[in-house]
Amino acid sequence: MSDERKPQTIMSAGKRDETPDSTQSVANEAQGKGRPTPSRRAAQAANARPIVGSQDKELRKQQRAAQNEARERARAGMMAGEERFLTQRDRGPQRRYVRDYVDARWSAGELLIPVMVIFLIVALFPGWVQVYGVFFVWAFLALAIIDAFVLTFILKKKLTEKFGEGNVQPGFKWYGAMRAMQFRMLRMPKPQVKRRQYPQ
């Protein structure tokens, strides 16, 4: 008799245990936020704000001053032709030789900018003045191109004599011709030699 009642008691107890849990889960689903609860680390990262204070402002000011000083130093070094501040295109003894040789000679190409300015002024005048101005500009442009070709042949000979037949760095022709086409005061790096002070 007692053995028959015991399973019923256990089953009824099991039913009493399951009913509140299922009711509670249904209630939680009904009242849920529809998204997972963020972790503590995520919540702290979302609420984080940069600390703004006098020390931080002073530190940022010092960093900006240091960066400006470094940029100015690099710019001055590049203008002066210091090797560590030069771009990859301008580095090396052969590039320096080409720059010094171009800067030591007079090139027709370096007068292109003044000639173009004069042509713009002459173009304002009608008639034969404008026609002759156009012919003069084209003739001067042809002269500058011929001079650049002559310069490349001279540079090839000089570089071969100084650095050897198979050691000439490629690209020197375009490098030298483009530098010769620039106004002397606008060349970068700045000329480090005087006129007719050719490199040895």
C-alpha atoms as a PDB file:
ATOM      1  CA  MET A   1       0.000   0.000   0.000  1.00  0.00           C
ATOM      2  CA  SER A   2       2.724   2.367   0.996  1.00  0.00           C
ATOM      3  CA  ASP A   3       4.775   1.332  -2.032  1.00  0.00           C
ATOM      4  CA  GLU A   4       1.972   2.249  -4.439  1.00  0.00           C
ATOM      5  CA  ARG A   5       1.538   5.749  -3.039  1.00  0.00           C
ATOM      6  CA  LYS A   6       5.234   6.647  -3.211  1.00  0.00           C
ATOM      7  CA  PRO A   7       5.527   6.853  -7.043  1.00  0.00           C
ATOM      8  CA  GLN A   8       2.409   8.974  -7.185  1.00  0.00           C
ATOM      9  CA  THR A   9       3.893  11.346  -4.649  1.00  0.00           C
ATOM     10  CA  ILE A  10       7.099  11.610  -6.650  1.00  0.00           C
ATOM     11  CA  MET A  11       5.226  12.205  -9.887  1.00  0.00           C
ATOM     12  CA  SER A  12       3.090  14.877  -8.331  1.00  0.00           C
ATOM     13  CA  ALA A  13       6.186  16.534  -6.924  1.00  0.00           C
ATOM     14  CA  GLY A  14       7.750  16.453 -10.354  1.00  0.00           C
ATOM     15  CA  LYS A  15       4.758  18.187 -11.803  1.00  0.00           C
ATOM     16  CA  ARG A  16       4.931  20.843  -9.130  1.00  0.00           C
ATOM     17  CA  ASP A  17       8.632  21.428 -10.000  1.00  0.00           C
ATOM     18  CA  GLU A  18       8.054  21.717 -13.754  1.00  0.00           C
ATOM     19  CA  THR A  19       5.065  24.021 -13.704  1.00  0.00           C
ATOM     20  CA  PRO A  20       6.754  27.126 -12.141  1.00  0.00           C
ATOM     21  CA  ASP A  21       9.796  26.803 -14.397  1.00  0.00           C
ATOM     22  CA  SER A  22       7.806  26.681 -17.578  1.00  0.00           C
ATOM     23  CA  THR A  23       5.653  29.567 -16.413  1.00  0.00           C
ATOM     24  CA  GLN A  24       8.745  31.611 -15.535  1.00  0.00           C
ATOM     25  CA  SER A  25      10.385  30.951 -18.943  1.00  0.00           C
ATOM     26  CA  VAL A  26       7.245  32.040 -20.764  1.00  0.00           C
ATOM     27  CA  ALA A  27       7.150  35.202 -18.711  1.00  0.00           C
ATOM     28  CA  ASN A  28      10.803  35.930 -19.448  1.00  0.00           C
ATOM     29  CA  GLU A  29      10.222  35.473 -23.173  1.00  0.00           C
ATOM     30  CA  ALA A  30       7.274  37.820 -23.035  1.00  0.00           C
ATOM     31  CA  GLN A  31       9.259  40.462 -21.200  1.00  0.00           C
ATOM     32  CA  GLY A  32      12.567  39.956 -23.098  1.00  0.00           C
ATOM     33  CA  LYS A  33      14.594  42.818 -24.762  1.00  0.00           C
ATOM     34  CA  GLY A  34      14.915  40.995 -28.052  1.00  0.00           C
ATOM     35  CA  ARG A  35      18.742  41.212 -27.933  1.00  0.00           C
ATOM     36  CA  PRO A  36      21.503  39.575 -25.903  1.00  0.00           C
ATOM     37  CA  THR A  37      22.723  41.316 -22.800  1.00  0.00           C
ATOM     38  CA  PRO A  38      26.154  42.889 -23.493  1.00  0.00           C
ATOM     39  CA  SER A  39      29.132  41.800 -21.452  1.00  0.00           C
ATOM     40  CA  ARG A  40      30.693  44.080 -18.895  1.00  0.00           C
ATOM     41  CA  ARG A  41      33.711  44.737 -21.135  1.00  0.00           C
ATOM     42  CA  ALA A  42      31.500  45.736 -24.075  1.00  0.00           C
ATOM     43  CA  ALA A  43      29.418  48.004 -21.858  1.00  0.00           C
ATOM     44  CA  GLN A  44      32.497  49.707 -20.445  1.00  0.00           C
ATOM     45  CA  ALA A  45      33.931  50.206 -23.947  1.00  0.00           C
ATOM     46  CA  ALA A  46      30.656  51.751 -25.138  1.00  0.00           C
ATOM     47  CA  ASN A  47      30.572  54.164 -22.209  1.00  0.00           C
ATOM     48  CA  ALA A  48      34.241  55.081 -22.456  1.00  0.00           C
ATOM     49  CA  ARG A  49      34.999  58.756 -23.028  1.00  0.00           C
ATOM     50  CA  PRO A  50      38.365  60.365 -23.707  1.00  0.00           C
ATOM     51  CA  ILE A  51      39.807  62.081 -20.715  1.00  0.00           C
ATOM     52  CA  VAL A  52      40.246  65.743 -21.532  1.00  0.00           C
ATOM     53  CA  GLY A  53      42.515  67.720 -19.284  1.00  0.00           C
ATOM     54  CA  SER A  54      45.208  70.328 -19.232  1.00  0.00           C
ATOM     55  CA  GLN A  55      47.956  67.710 -19.215  1.00  0.00           C
ATOM     56  CA  ASP A  56      46.554  65.980 -22.301  1.00  0.00           C
ATOM     57  CA  LYS A  57      46.237  69.289 -24.170  1.00  0.00           C
ATOM     58  CA  GLU A  58      49.780  70.204 -23.282  1.00  0.00           C
ATOM     59  CA  LEU A  59      50.992  66.785 -24.403  1.00  0.00           C
ATOM     60  CA  ARG A  60      49.179  67.075 -27.733  1.00  0.00           C
ATOM     61  CA  LYS A  61      50.628  70.543 -28.189  1.00  0.00           C
ATOM     62  CA  GLN A  62      54.134  69.227 -27.595  1.00  0.00           C
ATOM     63  CA  GLN A  63      53.557  66.339 -30.003  1.00  0.00           C
ATOM     64  CA  ARG A  64      52.343  68.691 -32.729  1.00  0.00           C
ATOM     65  CA  ALA A  65      55.330  70.944 -32.178  1.00  0.00           C
ATOM     66  CA  ALA A  66      57.687  67.960 -32.412  1.00  0.00           C
ATOM     67  CA  GLN A  67      56.007  66.748 -35.612  1.00  0.00           C
ATOM     68  CA  ASN A  68      56.184  70.201 -37.180  1.00  0.00           C
ATOM     69  CA  GLU A  69      59.840  70.472 -36.258  1.00  0.00           C
ATOM     70  CA  ALA A  70      60.566  67.047 -37.760  1.00  0.00           C
ATOM     71  CA  ARG A  71      58.749  67.946 -40.994  1.00  0.00           C
ATOM     72  CA  GLU A  72      60.600  71.237 -41.237  1.00  0.00           C
ATOM     73  CA  ARG A  73      63.901  69.481 -40.633  1.00  0.00           C
ATOM     74  CA  ALA A  74      63.109  66.921 -43.344  1.00  0.00           C
ATOM     75  CA  ARG A  75      62.111  69.664 -45.768  1.00  0.00           C
ATOM     76  CA  ALA A  76      65.284  71.642 -45.095  1.00  0.00           C
ATOM     77  CA  GLY A  77      67.354  68.471 -45.439  1.00  0.00           C
ATOM     78  CA  MET A  78      65.751  67.630 -48.760  1.00  0.00           C
ATOM     79  CA  MET A  79      66.292  71.172 -50.028  1.00  0.00           C
ATOM     80  CA  ALA A  80      69.946  70.953 -49.012  1.00  0.00           C
ATOM     81  CA  GLY A  81      70.357  67.588 -50.738  1.00  0.00           C
ATOM     82  CA  GLU A  82      71.026  65.528 -47.601  1.00  0.00           C
ATOM     83  CA  GLU A  83      70.913  61.884 -48.609  1.00  0.00           C
ATOM     84  CA  ARG A  84      68.721  60.574 -45.780  1.00  0.00           C
ATOM     85  CA  PHE A  85      65.981  63.114 -46.488  1.00  0.00           C
ATOM     86  CA  LEU A  86      65.859  62.604 -50.248  1.00  0.00           C
ATOM     87  CA  THR A  87      63.232  60.553 -52.023  1.00  0.00           C
ATOM     88  CA  GLN A  88      64.171  57.216 -53.571  1.00  0.00           C
ATOM     89  CA  ARG A  89      64.293  58.861 -56.993  1.00  0.00           C
ATOM     90  CA  ASP A  90      66.949  61.393 -55.895  1.00  0.00           C
ATOM     91  CA  ARG A  91      69.211  59.145 -53.840  1.00  0.00           C
ATOM     92  CA  GLY A  92      72.612  57.860 -54.805  1.00  0.00           C
ATOM     93  CA  PRO A  93      75.916  59.292 -56.037  1.00  0.00           C
ATOM     94  CA  GLN A  94      74.900  59.086 -59.695  1.00  0.00           C
ATOM     95  CA  ARG A  95      71.735  61.112 -59.136  1.00  0.00           C
ATOM     96  CA  ARG A  96      73.776  63.701 -57.280  1.00  0.00           C
ATOM     97  CA  TYR A  97      76.268  63.810 -60.147  1.00  0.00           C
ATOM     98  CA  VAL A  98      73.451  64.359 -62.654  1.00  0.00           C
ATOM     99  CA  ARG A  99      71.949  67.159 -60.549  1.00  0.00           C
ATOM    100  CA  ASP A 100      75.285  68.898 -60.111  1.00  0.00           C
ATOM    101  CA  TYR A 101      76.119  68.661 -63.798  1.00  0.00           C
ATOM    102  CA  VAL A 102      72.711  69.992 -64.869  1.00  0.00           C
ATOM    103  CA  ASP A 103      72.868  72.806 -62.326  1.00  0.00           C
ATOM    104  CA  ALA A 104      76.370  73.802 -63.432  1.00  0.00           C
ATOM    105  CA  ARG A 105      75.392  74.430 -67.059  1.00  0.00           C
ATOM    106  CA  TRP A 106      73.039  76.806 -68.815  1.00  0.00           C
ATOM    107  CA  SER A 107      70.080  74.953 -70.333  1.00  0.00           C
ATOM    108  CA  ALA A 108      67.558  76.308 -72.776  1.00  0.00           C
ATOM    109  CA  GLY A 109      64.795  74.418 -71.004  1.00  0.00           C
ATOM    110  CA  GLU A 110      65.145  76.391 -67.794  1.00  0.00           C
ATOM    111  CA  LEU A 111      63.958  79.503 -69.650  1.00  0.00           C
ATOM    112  CA  LEU A 112      60.723  77.873 -70.799  1.00  0.00           C
ATOM    113  CA  ILE A 113      58.659  79.390 -68.002  1.00  0.00           C
ATOM    114  CA  PRO A 114      59.797  82.995 -68.677  1.00  0.00           C
ATOM    115  CA  VAL A 115      59.273  82.475 -72.405  1.00  0.00           C
ATOM    116  CA  MET A 116      55.760  81.171 -71.825  1.00  0.00           C
ATOM    117  CA  VAL A 117      54.942  84.179 -69.666  1.00  0.00           C
ATOM    118  CA  ILE A 118      56.208  86.521 -72.382  1.00  0.00           C
ATOM    119  CA  PHE A 119      54.164  84.632 -74.958  1.00  0.00           C
ATOM    120  CA  LEU A 120      50.990  85.062 -72.898  1.00  0.00           C
ATOM    121  CA  ILE A 121      51.620  88.797 -72.861  1.00  0.00           C
ATOM    122  CA  VAL A 122      52.416  88.930 -76.582  1.00  0.00           C
ATOM    123  CA  ALA A 123      49.268  86.913 -77.369  1.00  0.00           C
ATOM    124  CA  LEU A 124      47.221  89.896 -76.231  1.00  0.00           C
ATOM    125  CA  PHE A 125      48.480  91.905 -79.187  1.00  0.00           C
ATOM    126  CA  PRO A 126      46.678  91.275 -82.490  1.00  0.00           C
ATOM    127  CA  GLY A 127      48.197  90.924 -85.939  1.00  0.00           C
ATOM    128  CA  TRP A 128      51.743  90.051 -86.878  1.00  0.00           C
ATOM    129  CA  VAL A 129      53.037  90.372 -83.278  1.00  0.00           C
ATOM    130  CA  GLN A 130      50.955  87.391 -82.228  1.00  0.00           C
ATOM    131  CA  VAL A 131      52.001  85.345 -85.275  1.00  0.00           C
ATOM    132  CA  TYR A 132      55.691  85.946 -84.713  1.00  0.00           C
ATOM    133  CA  GLY A 133      55.213  85.200 -81.025  1.00  0.00           C
ATOM    134  CA  VAL A 134      53.806  81.761 -81.823  1.00  0.00           C
ATOM    135  CA  PHE A 135      56.708  80.983 -84.161  1.00  0.00           C
ATOM    136  CA  PHE A 136      59.187  82.130 -81.528  1.00  0.00           C
ATOM    137  CA  VAL A 137      57.678  79.900 -78.838  1.00  0.00           C
ATOM    138  CA  TRP A 138      57.716  76.829 -81.083  1.00  0.00           C
ATOM    139  CA  ALA A 139      61.292  77.529 -82.135  1.00  0.00           C
ATOM    140  CA  PHE A 140      62.393  77.932 -78.539  1.00  0.00           C
ATOM    141  CA  LEU A 141      60.604  74.713 -77.532  1.00  0.00           C
ATOM    142  CA  ALA A 142      62.430  72.841 -80.297  1.00  0.00           C
ATOM    143  CA  LEU A 143      65.719  74.344 -79.096  1.00  0.00           C
ATOM    144  CA  ALA A 144      65.010  73.195 -75.527  1.00  0.00           C
ATOM    145  CA  ILE A 145      64.274  69.641 -76.699  1.00  0.00           C
ATOM    146  CA  ILE A 146      67.469  69.489 -78.777  1.00  0.00           C
ATOM    147  CA  ASP A 147      69.451  70.821 -75.830  1.00  0.00           C
ATOM    148  CA  ALA A 148      67.948  68.129 -73.589  1.00  0.00           C
ATOM    149  CA  PHE A 149      69.009  65.409 -76.045  1.00  0.00           C
ATOM    150  CA  VAL A 150      72.536  66.810 -76.143  1.00  0.00           C
ATOM    151  CA  LEU A 151      72.573  66.840 -72.342  1.00  0.00           C
ATOM    152  CA  THR A 152      71.609  63.158 -72.126  1.00  0.00           C
ATOM    153  CA  PHE A 153      74.465  62.149 -74.446  1.00  0.00           C
ATOM    154  CA  ILE A 154      76.937  64.152 -72.377  1.00  0.00           C
ATOM    155  CA  LEU A 155      75.606  62.651 -69.131  1.00  0.00           C
ATOM    156  CA  LYS A 156      75.909  59.115 -70.477  1.00  0.00           C
ATOM    157  CA  LYS A 157      79.533  59.701 -71.381  1.00  0.00           C
ATOM    158  CA  LYS A 158      80.356  61.327 -68.048  1.00  0.00           C
ATOM    159  CA  LEU A 159      78.608  58.651 -65.966  1.00  0.00           C
ATOM    160  CA  THR A 160      80.280  55.853 -67.916  1.00  0.00           C
ATOM    161  CA  GLU A 161      83.718  57.383 -67.369  1.00  0.00           C
ATOM    162  CA  LYS A 162      83.123  57.897 -63.657  1.00  0.00           C
ATOM    163  CA  PHE A 163      81.151  54.815 -62.593  1.00  0.00           C
ATOM    164  CA  GLY A 164      81.964  52.249 -65.273  1.00  0.00           C
ATOM    165  CA  GLU A 165      80.276  50.904 -68.388  1.00  0.00           C
ATOM    166  CA  GLY A 166      77.901  48.439 -66.720  1.00  0.00           C
ATOM    167  CA  ASN A 167      77.268  50.436 -63.548  1.00  0.00           C
ATOM    168  CA  VAL A 168      75.303  53.359 -64.949  1.00  0.00           C
ATOM    169  CA  GLN A 169      72.005  53.712 -63.100  1.00  0.00           C
ATOM    170  CA  PRO A 170      69.029  53.558 -65.498  1.00  0.00           C
ATOM    171  CA  GLY A 171      66.666  56.492 -65.809  1.00  0.00           C
ATOM    172  CA  PHE A 172      69.359  59.182 -65.743  1.00  0.00           C
ATOM    173  CA  LYS A 173      68.324  60.576 -69.141  1.00  0.00           C
ATOM    174  CA  TRP A 174      64.781  61.423 -68.127  1.00  0.00           C
ATOM    175  CA  TYR A 175      65.968  62.574 -64.701  1.00  0.00           C
ATOM    176  CA  GLY A 176      68.501  64.987 -66.149  1.00  0.00           C
ATOM    177  CA  ALA A 177      66.259  66.240 -68.957  1.00  0.00           C
ATOM    178  CA  MET A 178      63.357  67.015 -66.606  1.00  0.00           C
ATOM    179  CA  ARG A 179      65.651  68.855 -64.224  1.00  0.00           C
ATOM    180  CA  ALA A 180      67.090  70.867 -67.122  1.00  0.00           C
ATOM    181  CA  MET A 181      63.550  71.873 -68.118  1.00  0.00           C
ATOM    182  CA  GLN A 182      62.870  73.404 -64.714  1.00  0.00           C
ATOM    183  CA  PHE A 183      63.607  76.966 -63.700  1.00  0.00           C
ATOM    184  CA  ARG A 184      66.791  76.899 -61.631  1.00  0.00           C
ATOM    185  CA  MET A 185      65.206  78.525 -58.584  1.00  0.00           C
ATOM    186  CA  LEU A 186      62.367  75.974 -58.576  1.00  0.00           C
ATOM    187  CA  ARG A 187      64.471  72.819 -58.723  1.00  0.00           C
ATOM    188  CA  MET A 188      64.178  70.270 -55.943  1.00  0.00           C
ATOM    189  CA  PRO A 189      66.571  69.545 -54.324  1.00  0.00           C
ATOM    190  CA  LYS A 190      68.052  73.000 -54.582  1.00  0.00           C
ATOM    191  CA  PRO A 191      71.215  73.407 -56.692  1.00  0.00           C
ATOM    192  CA  GLN A 192      74.335  72.805 -54.609  1.00  0.00           C
ATOM    193  CA  VAL A 193      76.848  74.098 -57.175  1.00  0.00           C
ATOM    194  CA  LYS A 194      77.395  77.364 -58.969  1.00  0.00           C
ATOM    195  CA  ARG A 195      77.337  77.958 -62.702  1.00  0.00           C
ATOM    196  CA  ARG A 196      80.197  76.235 -64.519  1.00  0.00           C
ATOM    197  CA  GLN A 197      81.166  74.390 -61.321  1.00  0.00           C
ATOM    198  CA  TYR A 198      81.011  70.970 -62.924  1.00  0.00           C
ATOM    199  CA  PRO A 199      81.443  67.824 -60.796  1.00  0.00           C
ATOM    200  CA  GLN A 200      84.714  65.905 -61.127  1.00  0.00           C
END
